[in-house]
N, C-alpha and C. Protein backbone atom coordinates (compact mmCIF):
# COMPACT_ATOMS: atom_id res chain seq x y z
N MET A 1 144.64 361.12 152.22
CA MET A 1 145.71 360.47 151.52
C MET A 1 145.32 359.76 150.29
N GLY A 2 144.03 359.51 150.20
CA GLY A 2 143.48 358.84 148.84
C GLY A 2 143.41 357.42 149.06
N ASP A 3 144.39 356.62 148.60
CA ASP A 3 144.45 355.13 148.68
C ASP A 3 144.52 354.73 150.21
N ASP A 4 144.07 353.71 150.53
CA ASP A 4 144.23 353.01 151.82
C ASP A 4 145.61 352.25 151.93
N ILE A 5 146.15 352.31 153.09
CA ILE A 5 147.36 351.51 153.35
C ILE A 5 146.96 350.13 153.62
N GLN A 6 147.49 349.13 152.88
CA GLN A 6 147.29 347.67 153.15
C GLN A 6 148.65 347.12 153.76
N ILE A 7 148.48 346.51 154.89
CA ILE A 7 149.48 345.70 155.46
C ILE A 7 149.30 344.32 155.25
N ARG A 8 150.30 343.61 154.64
CA ARG A 8 150.02 342.16 154.40
C ARG A 8 151.40 341.39 154.58
N PRO A 9 151.26 340.05 154.48
CA PRO A 9 152.65 339.23 154.60
C PRO A 9 153.36 339.36 153.22
N PHE A 10 154.67 339.52 153.49
CA PHE A 10 155.61 339.43 152.30
C PHE A 10 155.29 338.19 151.36
N LEU A 11 155.29 338.42 150.01
CA LEU A 11 155.24 337.39 148.99
C LEU A 11 156.55 337.41 148.23
N PRO A 12 156.77 336.21 147.59
CA PRO A 12 158.12 336.23 146.82
C PRO A 12 158.18 337.30 145.79
N ASN A 13 157.10 337.77 145.12
CA ASN A 13 157.32 338.74 144.06
C ASN A 13 157.44 340.22 144.70
N ASP A 14 157.52 340.23 145.96
CA ASP A 14 157.84 341.47 146.69
C ASP A 14 159.34 341.64 146.79
N GLN A 15 160.21 340.68 146.58
CA GLN A 15 161.60 340.65 146.87
C GLN A 15 162.29 341.84 146.38
N ASP A 16 162.20 342.10 145.10
CA ASP A 16 162.97 343.24 144.51
C ASP A 16 162.59 344.60 145.14
N SER A 17 161.24 344.94 145.21
CA SER A 17 160.80 346.16 145.83
C SER A 17 161.25 346.31 147.31
N ALA A 18 161.04 345.21 147.95
CA ALA A 18 161.35 345.32 149.44
C ALA A 18 162.81 345.50 149.60
N GLU A 19 163.68 344.78 149.02
CA GLU A 19 165.10 344.98 148.96
C GLU A 19 165.45 346.43 148.62
N THR A 20 164.95 346.80 147.64
CA THR A 20 165.38 348.11 147.18
C THR A 20 164.78 349.34 148.13
N LEU A 21 163.61 349.12 148.58
CA LEU A 21 162.97 350.20 149.66
C LEU A 21 164.07 350.24 150.84
N ILE A 22 164.35 349.11 151.40
CA ILE A 22 165.24 349.04 152.64
C ILE A 22 166.61 349.57 152.29
N LEU A 23 167.18 349.20 151.30
CA LEU A 23 168.67 349.63 150.97
C LEU A 23 168.67 351.08 150.62
N SER A 24 167.53 351.74 149.97
CA SER A 24 167.46 352.94 149.70
C SER A 24 167.44 353.81 151.10
N GLY A 25 166.63 353.27 152.00
CA GLY A 25 166.58 354.02 153.22
C GLY A 25 167.88 354.13 153.95
N LEU A 26 168.53 352.89 153.98
CA LEU A 26 169.83 352.79 154.69
C LEU A 26 170.87 353.75 153.95
N ALA A 27 170.99 353.83 152.68
CA ALA A 27 171.75 354.66 151.82
C ALA A 27 171.42 356.20 152.17
N GLU A 28 170.32 356.38 152.26
CA GLU A 28 169.83 357.88 152.66
C GLU A 28 170.35 358.31 153.91
N HIS A 29 170.34 357.30 154.89
CA HIS A 29 170.65 357.67 156.31
C HIS A 29 172.21 357.60 156.56
N PHE A 30 172.91 356.61 155.76
CA PHE A 30 174.21 356.33 155.97
C PHE A 30 175.22 356.95 154.94
N ASN A 31 174.53 357.35 153.82
CA ASN A 31 175.27 357.89 152.65
C ASN A 31 176.10 356.93 151.77
N SER A 32 175.97 355.50 152.44
CA SER A 32 176.48 354.40 151.60
C SER A 32 175.95 353.23 152.26
N ILE A 33 176.27 352.13 151.44
CA ILE A 33 175.72 350.82 152.10
C ILE A 33 176.88 349.85 151.84
N ASP A 34 176.99 349.14 153.06
CA ASP A 34 177.95 347.96 153.05
C ASP A 34 177.28 346.72 152.79
N PRO A 35 177.27 346.16 151.49
CA PRO A 35 176.55 344.93 151.16
C PRO A 35 176.73 343.73 152.08
N ALA A 36 177.88 343.76 152.65
CA ALA A 36 178.19 342.54 153.65
C ALA A 36 177.23 342.68 154.88
N LEU A 37 176.80 343.86 155.21
CA LEU A 37 175.83 343.91 156.32
C LEU A 37 174.50 343.75 156.05
N ASN A 38 174.11 343.43 154.75
CA ASN A 38 172.72 343.33 154.40
C ASN A 38 172.43 342.01 153.55
N GLN A 39 173.15 340.98 153.84
CA GLN A 39 172.85 339.70 153.07
C GLN A 39 171.49 339.10 153.20
N ASP A 40 170.90 339.40 154.31
CA ASP A 40 169.68 338.86 154.64
C ASP A 40 168.58 339.41 153.66
N LEU A 41 168.88 340.56 152.92
CA LEU A 41 167.81 341.10 152.17
C LEU A 41 167.93 340.43 150.66
N LYS A 42 168.93 339.73 150.45
CA LYS A 42 169.09 339.03 149.08
C LYS A 42 168.01 338.06 148.85
N ASP A 43 167.56 337.44 149.96
CA ASP A 43 166.60 336.48 149.88
C ASP A 43 165.77 336.49 151.10
N ILE A 44 164.77 337.43 151.16
CA ILE A 44 163.95 337.59 152.16
C ILE A 44 163.05 336.43 152.74
N GLU A 45 162.69 335.57 151.67
CA GLU A 45 162.01 334.48 152.08
C GLU A 45 162.86 333.47 152.75
N GLU A 46 164.04 333.26 152.43
CA GLU A 46 164.82 332.36 153.13
C GLU A 46 165.32 332.89 154.37
N SER A 47 165.74 334.27 154.43
CA SER A 47 166.32 334.62 155.64
C SER A 47 165.23 334.97 156.65
N TYR A 48 164.08 335.13 156.43
CA TYR A 48 163.03 335.44 157.37
C TYR A 48 161.93 334.32 157.53
N LEU A 49 161.17 334.09 156.36
CA LEU A 49 160.02 333.34 156.25
C LEU A 49 160.31 331.84 156.76
N SER A 50 161.44 331.36 156.09
CA SER A 50 161.72 329.94 156.21
C SER A 50 162.26 329.70 157.76
N GLN A 51 162.72 330.76 158.47
CA GLN A 51 163.20 330.81 159.85
C GLN A 51 161.88 330.94 160.76
N GLY A 52 160.70 331.07 160.41
CA GLY A 52 159.60 331.34 161.19
C GLY A 52 159.28 332.69 161.58
N SER A 53 160.06 333.70 161.00
CA SER A 53 159.82 335.11 161.19
C SER A 53 158.71 335.62 160.40
N LEU A 54 158.04 336.69 160.78
CA LEU A 54 157.02 337.32 160.01
C LEU A 54 157.68 338.55 159.38
N PHE A 55 157.40 338.64 158.09
CA PHE A 55 158.03 339.82 157.35
C PHE A 55 156.70 340.49 156.67
N LEU A 56 156.38 341.69 156.95
CA LEU A 56 155.28 342.42 156.41
C LEU A 56 155.71 343.44 155.43
N VAL A 57 154.75 343.74 154.48
CA VAL A 57 154.97 344.84 153.64
C VAL A 57 153.71 345.77 153.74
N ALA A 58 153.90 347.07 153.42
CA ALA A 58 152.79 348.04 153.33
C ALA A 58 152.76 348.40 151.88
N GLU A 59 151.32 348.56 151.40
CA GLU A 59 151.18 348.88 149.98
C GLU A 59 150.15 350.01 150.12
N ILE A 60 150.28 350.87 149.12
CA ILE A 60 149.33 351.80 148.72
C ILE A 60 149.16 351.92 147.32
N GLY A 61 147.85 351.62 146.81
CA GLY A 61 147.65 351.49 145.65
C GLY A 61 148.42 350.64 144.71
N GLY A 62 148.80 349.36 145.36
CA GLY A 62 149.58 348.43 144.63
C GLY A 62 151.06 348.75 144.69
N GLN A 63 151.64 349.75 145.23
CA GLN A 63 153.08 350.23 145.35
C GLN A 63 153.45 349.85 146.82
N LEU A 64 154.56 349.00 146.76
CA LEU A 64 155.19 348.62 148.05
C LEU A 64 155.78 349.93 148.73
N VAL A 65 155.40 350.34 149.85
CA VAL A 65 155.92 351.55 150.55
C VAL A 65 156.42 351.32 151.97
N GLY A 66 156.44 350.20 152.37
CA GLY A 66 157.02 349.96 153.77
C GLY A 66 157.18 348.59 154.00
N THR A 67 158.00 348.17 155.01
CA THR A 67 158.47 346.92 155.37
C THR A 67 158.64 346.78 156.93
N GLY A 68 158.58 345.53 157.49
CA GLY A 68 158.91 345.31 158.87
C GLY A 68 158.98 343.85 159.14
N ALA A 69 159.74 343.52 160.09
CA ALA A 69 159.94 342.05 160.39
C ALA A 69 159.82 341.82 161.95
N LEU A 70 159.27 340.62 162.18
CA LEU A 70 159.33 340.18 163.58
C LEU A 70 159.95 338.82 163.75
N LEU A 71 161.05 338.81 164.44
CA LEU A 71 161.95 337.65 164.58
C LEU A 71 161.80 337.11 165.98
N SER A 72 162.13 335.85 166.31
CA SER A 72 162.15 335.18 167.53
C SER A 72 163.50 335.47 168.20
N GLU A 73 163.51 336.24 169.25
CA GLU A 73 164.85 336.47 169.84
C GLU A 73 165.12 335.41 170.95
N ALA A 74 164.02 335.16 171.58
CA ALA A 74 164.14 333.92 172.69
C ALA A 74 162.69 333.53 172.80
N LYS A 75 162.47 332.38 173.51
CA LYS A 75 161.23 331.73 173.83
C LYS A 75 160.08 332.91 173.99
N ASP A 76 160.44 333.84 174.86
CA ASP A 76 159.40 334.81 175.29
C ASP A 76 159.63 336.25 174.61
N THR A 77 160.61 336.34 173.76
CA THR A 77 160.98 337.61 173.31
C THR A 77 161.07 337.73 171.75
N GLY A 78 160.47 338.69 171.30
CA GLY A 78 160.41 338.90 169.74
C GLY A 78 161.37 340.17 169.58
N ARG A 79 161.87 340.33 168.33
CA ARG A 79 162.66 341.32 167.94
C ARG A 79 162.12 341.85 166.68
N ILE A 80 162.01 343.16 166.56
CA ILE A 80 161.52 343.92 165.34
C ILE A 80 162.76 344.36 164.61
N ALA A 81 162.81 344.29 163.27
CA ALA A 81 163.88 344.55 162.44
C ALA A 81 163.33 345.04 161.04
N ARG A 82 164.10 345.71 160.31
CA ARG A 82 163.85 346.00 158.86
C ARG A 82 162.57 346.81 158.72
N VAL A 83 162.28 347.62 159.68
CA VAL A 83 161.05 348.56 159.61
C VAL A 83 161.66 349.74 158.55
N SER A 84 161.01 349.98 157.46
CA SER A 84 161.55 350.83 156.59
C SER A 84 160.31 351.47 155.82
N VAL A 85 160.22 352.68 155.53
CA VAL A 85 159.08 353.54 154.94
C VAL A 85 159.79 354.18 153.66
N ALA A 86 159.20 354.13 152.57
CA ALA A 86 159.67 354.94 151.39
C ALA A 86 159.63 356.32 151.65
N ARG A 87 160.78 356.95 151.25
CA ARG A 87 160.92 358.42 151.59
C ARG A 87 159.61 359.31 151.29
N SER A 88 158.98 358.98 150.09
CA SER A 88 157.88 359.59 149.49
C SER A 88 156.46 359.38 150.36
N HIS A 89 156.63 358.39 151.31
CA HIS A 89 155.56 358.14 152.06
C HIS A 89 155.72 358.19 153.63
N ARG A 90 156.61 358.90 154.08
CA ARG A 90 157.06 359.02 155.49
C ARG A 90 156.06 360.09 156.10
N HIS A 91 156.02 359.98 157.37
CA HIS A 91 155.16 360.81 158.26
C HIS A 91 153.76 360.87 157.97
N ILE A 92 153.17 359.69 157.41
CA ILE A 92 151.88 359.62 157.37
C ILE A 92 151.15 358.48 158.15
N GLY A 93 152.00 357.85 158.96
CA GLY A 93 151.62 356.74 159.88
C GLY A 93 151.87 355.31 159.40
N ILE A 94 152.71 355.14 158.26
CA ILE A 94 152.90 353.87 157.81
C ILE A 94 153.73 353.03 158.79
N GLY A 95 154.82 353.63 159.22
CA GLY A 95 155.74 352.96 160.29
C GLY A 95 155.10 352.63 161.42
N ARG A 96 154.17 353.50 162.02
CA ARG A 96 153.36 353.10 163.21
C ARG A 96 152.49 352.02 162.98
N LEU A 97 151.83 351.92 161.73
CA LEU A 97 150.78 350.88 161.39
C LEU A 97 151.63 349.58 161.29
N ILE A 98 152.80 349.51 160.55
CA ILE A 98 153.60 348.22 160.44
C ILE A 98 154.06 347.88 161.89
N THR A 99 154.48 348.73 162.69
CA THR A 99 154.94 348.36 164.08
C THR A 99 153.75 347.76 164.83
N LYS A 100 152.60 348.31 164.74
CA LYS A 100 151.34 347.98 165.43
C LYS A 100 151.05 346.39 164.94
N HIS A 101 151.19 346.18 163.69
CA HIS A 101 150.90 344.88 163.23
C HIS A 101 151.86 343.69 163.70
N LEU A 102 153.16 344.33 163.88
CA LEU A 102 154.24 343.40 164.33
C LEU A 102 153.99 343.26 166.00
N VAL A 103 153.57 344.22 166.67
CA VAL A 103 153.34 344.04 168.12
C VAL A 103 152.12 343.06 168.31
N ASP A 104 151.02 343.27 167.43
CA ASP A 104 149.95 342.35 167.52
C ASP A 104 150.15 341.03 167.24
N ALA A 105 151.23 340.81 166.23
CA ALA A 105 151.67 339.36 165.93
C ALA A 105 152.43 338.84 167.11
N ALA A 106 153.20 339.74 167.95
CA ALA A 106 153.97 339.21 169.06
C ALA A 106 153.05 338.80 170.05
N HIS A 107 151.96 339.38 170.17
CA HIS A 107 150.92 339.12 171.21
C HIS A 107 150.36 337.75 170.86
N ARG A 108 149.97 337.52 169.66
CA ARG A 108 149.48 336.09 169.14
C ARG A 108 150.63 334.94 169.36
N ARG A 109 151.83 335.43 169.26
CA ARG A 109 153.03 334.47 169.48
C ARG A 109 153.32 334.27 170.82
N THR A 110 152.49 335.05 171.73
CA THR A 110 152.72 334.84 173.17
C THR A 110 154.11 335.35 173.71
N TYR A 111 154.60 336.24 173.04
CA TYR A 111 155.77 336.88 173.51
C TYR A 111 155.54 337.89 174.69
N SER A 112 156.42 338.01 175.72
CA SER A 112 156.17 338.87 176.81
C SER A 112 156.83 340.20 176.74
N LYS A 113 157.65 340.27 175.56
CA LYS A 113 158.21 341.62 175.24
C LYS A 113 158.92 341.44 173.88
N ILE A 114 159.22 342.72 173.45
CA ILE A 114 159.74 342.84 172.02
C ILE A 114 160.83 343.89 172.28
N VAL A 115 161.97 343.57 171.66
CA VAL A 115 163.18 344.32 171.55
C VAL A 115 163.35 344.99 170.16
N VAL A 116 164.07 346.12 170.10
CA VAL A 116 164.36 346.57 168.80
C VAL A 116 165.62 347.47 169.12
N GLU A 117 166.47 347.62 168.17
CA GLU A 117 167.52 348.47 168.12
C GLU A 117 167.75 349.47 166.95
N THR A 118 168.36 350.43 167.16
CA THR A 118 168.52 351.36 166.00
C THR A 118 169.67 352.33 166.29
N ASN A 119 170.22 352.86 165.46
CA ASN A 119 171.42 353.91 165.51
C ASN A 119 171.00 355.10 166.45
N ASP A 120 171.85 355.45 167.30
CA ASP A 120 171.55 356.71 168.19
C ASP A 120 171.30 357.97 167.44
N ASP A 121 171.64 357.97 166.34
CA ASP A 121 171.44 359.30 165.49
C ASP A 121 170.34 359.06 164.56
N TRP A 122 169.62 358.16 164.65
CA TRP A 122 168.48 357.79 163.70
C TRP A 122 167.07 358.32 164.45
N HIS A 123 167.00 359.64 164.60
CA HIS A 123 165.95 360.19 165.58
C HIS A 123 164.64 359.93 165.16
N ASP A 124 164.34 359.79 163.87
CA ASP A 124 163.01 359.34 163.36
C ASP A 124 162.50 358.04 163.87
N ALA A 125 163.49 357.10 163.74
CA ALA A 125 163.26 355.62 164.15
C ALA A 125 162.98 355.67 165.66
N ILE A 126 163.80 356.36 166.47
CA ILE A 126 163.66 356.38 167.94
C ILE A 126 162.32 356.94 168.27
N ARG A 127 161.91 358.17 167.63
CA ARG A 127 160.59 358.58 167.98
C ARG A 127 159.56 357.62 167.50
N LEU A 128 159.63 356.92 166.43
CA LEU A 128 158.61 356.04 165.89
C LEU A 128 158.38 355.06 167.08
N TYR A 129 159.50 354.39 167.46
CA TYR A 129 159.25 353.29 168.45
C TYR A 129 158.74 353.82 169.84
N GLN A 130 159.31 355.06 170.26
CA GLN A 130 158.70 355.77 171.42
C GLN A 130 157.21 355.84 171.37
N ARG A 131 156.67 356.41 170.36
CA ARG A 131 155.32 356.57 169.95
C ARG A 131 154.53 355.30 169.99
N CYS A 132 155.20 354.22 169.65
CA CYS A 132 154.60 352.92 169.72
C CYS A 132 154.57 352.32 171.20
N GLY A 133 155.17 352.93 172.11
CA GLY A 133 155.24 352.36 173.41
C GLY A 133 156.41 351.80 173.86
N PHE A 134 157.65 351.83 173.11
CA PHE A 134 158.83 351.16 173.45
C PHE A 134 159.67 352.26 174.34
N SER A 135 160.46 351.79 175.24
CA SER A 135 161.34 352.51 175.98
C SER A 135 162.75 352.09 175.93
N GLU A 136 163.49 353.15 176.11
CA GLU A 136 164.87 352.76 176.08
C GLU A 136 165.49 352.11 177.24
N TYR A 137 166.27 351.05 177.06
CA TYR A 137 166.77 350.42 178.16
C TYR A 137 168.46 350.24 178.13
N ASP A 138 168.88 350.70 177.02
CA ASP A 138 170.39 350.64 176.97
C ASP A 138 170.82 351.51 175.76
N ARG A 139 172.05 352.19 175.75
CA ARG A 139 172.68 352.84 174.70
C ARG A 139 174.14 352.51 174.78
N CYS A 140 174.70 351.90 173.73
CA CYS A 140 176.16 351.58 173.65
C CYS A 140 176.47 351.50 172.11
N ASP A 141 177.81 351.81 171.90
CA ASP A 141 178.38 351.45 170.61
C ASP A 141 177.45 352.28 169.58
N GLY A 142 176.85 353.40 169.67
CA GLY A 142 176.34 354.10 168.65
C GLY A 142 174.90 353.59 168.59
N GLU A 143 174.30 352.57 169.31
CA GLU A 143 173.11 352.09 169.18
C GLU A 143 172.15 352.32 170.33
N VAL A 144 170.93 352.44 170.04
CA VAL A 144 169.84 352.60 171.24
C VAL A 144 168.97 351.33 171.20
N HIS A 145 168.89 350.75 172.41
CA HIS A 145 168.26 349.36 172.57
C HIS A 145 166.88 349.82 173.22
N MET A 146 165.78 349.29 172.69
CA MET A 146 164.44 349.68 173.34
C MET A 146 163.70 348.37 173.48
N VAL A 147 162.61 348.51 174.28
CA VAL A 147 161.77 347.28 174.61
C VAL A 147 160.41 347.90 174.94
N ILE A 148 159.45 346.94 174.73
CA ILE A 148 158.08 346.95 175.01
C ILE A 148 157.69 345.73 175.64
N HIS A 149 157.03 345.87 176.86
CA HIS A 149 156.58 344.60 177.57
C HIS A 149 155.22 344.59 177.27
N LEU A 150 154.73 343.27 177.02
CA LEU A 150 153.42 343.05 176.47
C LEU A 150 152.46 342.38 177.55
């Protein structure tokens, strides 16, 4: 692949690139974007970091190519959200690497499990989480709910 993938914490100057990357992935999957459903992306630092969540980015050669967040769902439960990989860099392990870093962070935060949800027709995302050890525990209203016990 050439350049190494670097996973690091989100910095304020990542805002525009991270927001664009995530929204592009959503638009690609859904063919449109409802801005009302993505208010958290307008200020990632406020929406995630100031709330105690972890927001990671993946870089290759200084280019932001992936994102992912770990939120506190409950005292013993983390939630993975906003995992996205640039179309040009998919299927080379970036999603798995981001997810691994988020799972490792959940261990350090002493969570006993992590949950994640995605749309039931987003097959690449479902496969990603399955490859990372998550298993499905519910399916409703067009969503797949998955969990990994730590």
